[in-house]
Amino acid sequence: MYINDDGGLLLTVLTVLPFCLLGGYAADQRSLEADRHSPAKLRRLMRWALCFGLALKTIPYWAGVNNLTMYIQDSFGGAALAVFYAAAAVFVCGKRSWQRAWRWWQDVGKMSLTHYLAQSLVCTSLFYGYGLGWYGRTSAWQEMLIAFALYATQVWISRFWFARFHYGPVEWMWRWGTYGTRPPFRRRPGQ
């Protein structure tokens, strides 16, 4: 609602840009690597971010819905919960017992743009009018099953793909366009 008002673009840039810069700084400092933080520190951060995020997300429910409370809920409550999710991911990734399972998700992450585009294509083909037109005709359970099936398929495809190739197909084209040189595509045996 406040995004569409006068100055919405400026407000969006001023809201999102600091988070992008903070994320870039965290990546530069390697803050999201599991071995950089003690489990106790991560648990403390998770508790703080979860409590703070949930408190901010509930403001419109107890203080009334208006542009300010919705802005606080979305911009700051969402950011605090994002910190919680990131800290929880770092915490879980640091556990040795999860290392084998994370390998599957790492492959999915290495071709996230390909998967995003594939999900968009599949879901719009299923739900939009130019496809099967299922929008509004499926239950939440059916939609959840579709989502799980699509994601499980993408996890399997990623694992299969990276046994043979260096990059996802869209990521490979993106690198080629970005750097101006064609990167290697196929893996050689033993790589």
Protein backbone atom coordinates (compact mmCIF):
# COMPACT_ATOMS: atom_id res chain seq x y z
CA MET A 1 0.00 0.00 0.00
CA TYR A 2 2.71 2.57 0.90
CA ILE A 3 4.86 1.36 -2.01
CA ASN A 4 2.30 2.62 -4.53
CA ASP A 5 2.01 6.10 -3.02
CA ASP A 6 4.03 9.11 -4.15
CA GLY A 7 7.65 8.54 -3.31
CA GLY A 8 7.15 4.77 -3.06
CA LEU A 9 10.13 3.99 -5.27
CA LEU A 10 12.39 6.26 -3.23
CA LEU A 11 11.08 4.72 -0.01
CA THR A 12 11.71 1.24 -1.41
CA VAL A 13 15.28 2.08 -2.45
CA LEU A 14 16.03 3.70 0.90
CA THR A 15 14.60 0.65 2.68
CA VAL A 16 16.13 -2.12 0.58
CA LEU A 17 19.54 -0.62 -0.20
CA PRO A 18 20.83 -0.73 3.40
CA PHE A 19 19.89 -4.41 3.64
CA CYS A 20 21.67 -5.14 0.35
CA LEU A 21 24.76 -3.35 1.62
CA LEU A 22 24.56 -5.19 4.93
CA GLY A 23 24.24 -8.52 3.09
CA GLY A 24 27.23 -7.64 0.91
CA TYR A 25 29.25 -6.74 4.00
CA ALA A 26 28.25 -10.03 5.70
CA ALA A 27 29.33 -11.96 2.59
CA ASP A 28 32.61 -10.03 2.39
CA GLN A 29 33.33 -10.74 6.05
CA ARG A 30 32.31 -14.38 5.55
CA SER A 31 29.85 -13.98 8.41
CA LEU A 32 27.55 -16.71 7.15
CA GLU A 33 30.11 -19.50 7.40
CA ALA A 34 29.30 -22.03 10.08
CA ASP A 35 32.81 -22.26 11.53
CA ARG A 36 32.98 -18.50 12.16
CA HIS A 37 30.56 -18.55 15.11
CA SER A 38 30.15 -20.58 18.24
CA PRO A 39 26.88 -22.50 18.63
CA ALA A 40 26.10 -20.50 21.78
CA LYS A 41 26.48 -17.20 19.92
CA LEU A 42 24.26 -18.44 17.10
CA ARG A 43 21.57 -19.64 19.53
CA ARG A 44 21.61 -16.23 21.25
CA LEU A 45 21.29 -14.45 17.91
CA MET A 46 18.46 -16.76 16.84
CA ARG A 47 16.52 -16.14 20.08
CA TRP A 48 16.97 -12.38 19.84
CA ALA A 49 16.07 -12.17 16.15
CA LEU A 50 13.05 -14.46 16.51
CA CYS A 51 11.61 -12.59 19.49
CA PHE A 52 12.29 -9.17 17.99
CA GLY A 53 11.00 -10.20 14.57
CA LEU A 54 7.78 -11.71 15.90
CA ALA A 55 7.18 -8.66 18.09
CA LEU A 56 7.57 -6.35 15.09
CA LYS A 57 5.46 -8.59 12.85
CA THR A 58 2.55 -8.42 15.34
CA ILE A 59 2.51 -4.62 15.69
CA PRO A 60 -0.40 -4.09 13.25
CA TYR A 61 -2.50 -6.60 15.21
CA TRP A 62 -2.26 -4.75 18.53
CA ALA A 63 -1.49 -1.17 17.46
CA GLY A 64 -3.86 -1.03 14.49
CA VAL A 65 -3.32 -1.34 10.79
CA ASN A 66 -1.95 1.78 9.13
CA ASN A 67 0.94 2.66 6.83
CA LEU A 68 3.45 3.01 9.67
CA THR A 69 2.63 -0.26 11.41
CA MET A 70 2.59 -2.12 8.08
CA TYR A 71 5.93 -0.54 7.15
CA ILE A 72 7.47 -1.59 10.48
CA GLN A 73 6.00 -5.07 10.13
CA ASP A 74 7.26 -5.59 6.59
CA SER A 75 10.60 -3.81 6.62
CA PHE A 76 11.93 -4.38 10.10
CA GLY A 77 9.98 -7.42 11.26
CA GLY A 78 10.80 -9.19 8.02
CA ALA A 79 14.47 -8.23 8.29
CA ALA A 80 14.71 -9.49 11.87
CA LEU A 81 13.13 -12.79 10.88
CA ALA A 82 15.54 -13.01 7.92
CA VAL A 83 18.41 -12.71 10.43
CA PHE A 84 16.81 -15.54 12.42
CA TYR A 85 16.52 -17.74 9.30
CA ALA A 86 20.12 -17.03 8.28
CA ALA A 87 21.46 -17.73 11.78
CA ALA A 88 19.40 -20.93 11.98
CA ALA A 89 20.75 -22.05 8.60
CA VAL A 90 24.33 -21.33 9.69
CA PHE A 91 23.69 -23.16 12.98
CA VAL A 92 22.28 -26.26 11.28
CA CYS A 93 24.88 -26.21 8.48
CA GLY A 94 27.62 -26.36 11.08
CA LYS A 95 26.41 -29.70 12.42
CA ARG A 96 28.42 -32.62 11.07
CA SER A 97 25.39 -34.90 11.06
CA TRP A 98 23.75 -32.65 8.46
CA GLN A 99 26.71 -32.34 6.08
CA ARG A 100 25.60 -35.15 3.76
CA ALA A 101 22.03 -33.82 3.50
CA TRP A 102 23.26 -30.28 2.81
CA ARG A 103 25.18 -31.54 -0.20
CA TRP A 104 21.87 -32.06 -2.01
CA TRP A 105 20.68 -28.54 -1.19
CA GLN A 106 24.01 -27.01 -2.18
CA ASP A 107 23.49 -28.32 -5.68
CA VAL A 108 20.02 -26.75 -5.80
CA GLY A 109 21.48 -23.44 -4.65
CA LYS A 110 24.19 -23.51 -7.31
CA MET A 111 21.51 -23.41 -9.99
CA SER A 112 18.95 -21.27 -8.17
CA LEU A 113 18.26 -18.97 -11.13
CA THR A 114 17.59 -21.97 -13.38
CA HIS A 115 15.24 -23.43 -10.77
CA TYR A 116 13.47 -20.12 -10.20
CA LEU A 117 12.77 -19.77 -13.91
CA ALA A 118 11.73 -23.43 -14.19
CA GLN A 119 9.35 -23.09 -11.22
CA SER A 120 7.85 -19.98 -12.76
CA LEU A 121 7.35 -21.73 -16.09
CA VAL A 122 5.85 -24.89 -14.55
CA CYS A 123 3.57 -23.08 -12.10
CA THR A 124 2.30 -20.50 -14.55
CA SER A 125 1.66 -23.32 -17.03
CA LEU A 126 -0.36 -25.15 -14.39
CA PHE A 127 -2.24 -22.23 -12.86
CA TYR A 128 -2.55 -19.45 -15.46
CA GLY A 129 -5.13 -19.28 -18.22
CA TYR A 130 -2.62 -19.89 -21.02
CA GLY A 131 -1.92 -23.28 -19.43
CA LEU A 132 -4.19 -25.61 -17.51
CA GLY A 133 -5.92 -22.80 -15.61
CA TRP A 134 -5.90 -24.54 -12.23
CA TYR A 135 -5.86 -21.25 -10.25
CA GLY A 136 -8.72 -21.34 -7.75
CA ARG A 137 -9.54 -24.93 -8.65
CA THR A 138 -7.05 -26.70 -6.43
CA SER A 139 -7.02 -27.08 -2.67
CA ALA A 140 -4.17 -25.96 -0.44
CA TRP A 141 -3.17 -29.62 0.04
CA GLN A 142 -2.99 -30.20 -3.71
CA GLU A 143 -0.91 -27.06 -4.15
CA MET A 144 1.41 -28.15 -1.35
CA LEU A 145 1.86 -31.57 -2.97
CA ILE A 146 2.65 -29.89 -6.29
CA ALA A 147 5.21 -27.65 -4.58
CA PHE A 148 6.89 -30.57 -2.79
CA ALA A 149 6.90 -32.70 -5.95
CA LEU A 150 8.38 -29.85 -8.00
CA TYR A 151 11.05 -29.12 -5.41
CA ALA A 152 11.94 -32.81 -4.94
CA THR A 153 12.29 -33.13 -8.70
CA GLN A 154 14.57 -30.09 -8.78
CA VAL A 155 16.71 -31.51 -5.96
CA TRP A 156 17.16 -34.75 -7.90
CA ILE A 157 17.83 -32.95 -11.19
CA SER A 158 20.45 -30.75 -9.48
CA ARG A 159 22.32 -33.72 -8.10
CA PHE A 160 22.22 -35.46 -11.49
CA TRP A 161 23.19 -32.25 -13.33
CA PHE A 162 26.25 -31.39 -11.23
CA ALA A 163 27.65 -34.87 -11.61
CA ARG A 164 28.12 -33.94 -15.29
CA PHE A 165 28.31 -30.15 -15.53
CA HIS A 166 30.07 -27.24 -13.78
CA TYR A 167 27.14 -24.78 -13.80
CA GLY A 168 23.39 -24.73 -14.18
CA PRO A 169 22.34 -23.89 -17.75
CA VAL A 170 21.13 -20.34 -17.02
CA GLU A 171 24.01 -19.70 -14.62
CA TRP A 172 26.44 -20.79 -17.35
CA MET A 173 24.89 -18.33 -19.82
CA TRP A 174 24.89 -15.62 -17.14
CA ARG A 175 28.63 -16.13 -16.50
CA TRP A 176 29.37 -16.11 -20.22
CA GLY A 177 27.45 -12.84 -20.65
CA THR A 178 28.94 -11.26 -17.53
CA TYR A 179 32.59 -12.11 -18.10
CA GLY A 180 32.59 -12.18 -21.90
CA THR A 181 34.38 -15.52 -22.06
CA ARG A 182 32.79 -18.90 -22.38
CA PRO A 183 33.28 -20.87 -19.13
CA PRO A 184 33.75 -24.65 -19.17
CA PHE A 185 30.40 -26.43 -19.18
CA ARG A 186 30.92 -30.20 -19.01
CA ARG A 187 32.89 -31.85 -16.26
CA ARG A 188 35.76 -34.05 -17.26
CA PRO A 189 35.87 -37.52 -15.72
CA GLY A 190 37.37 -37.35 -12.23
CA GLN A 191 36.49 -33.68 -11.60
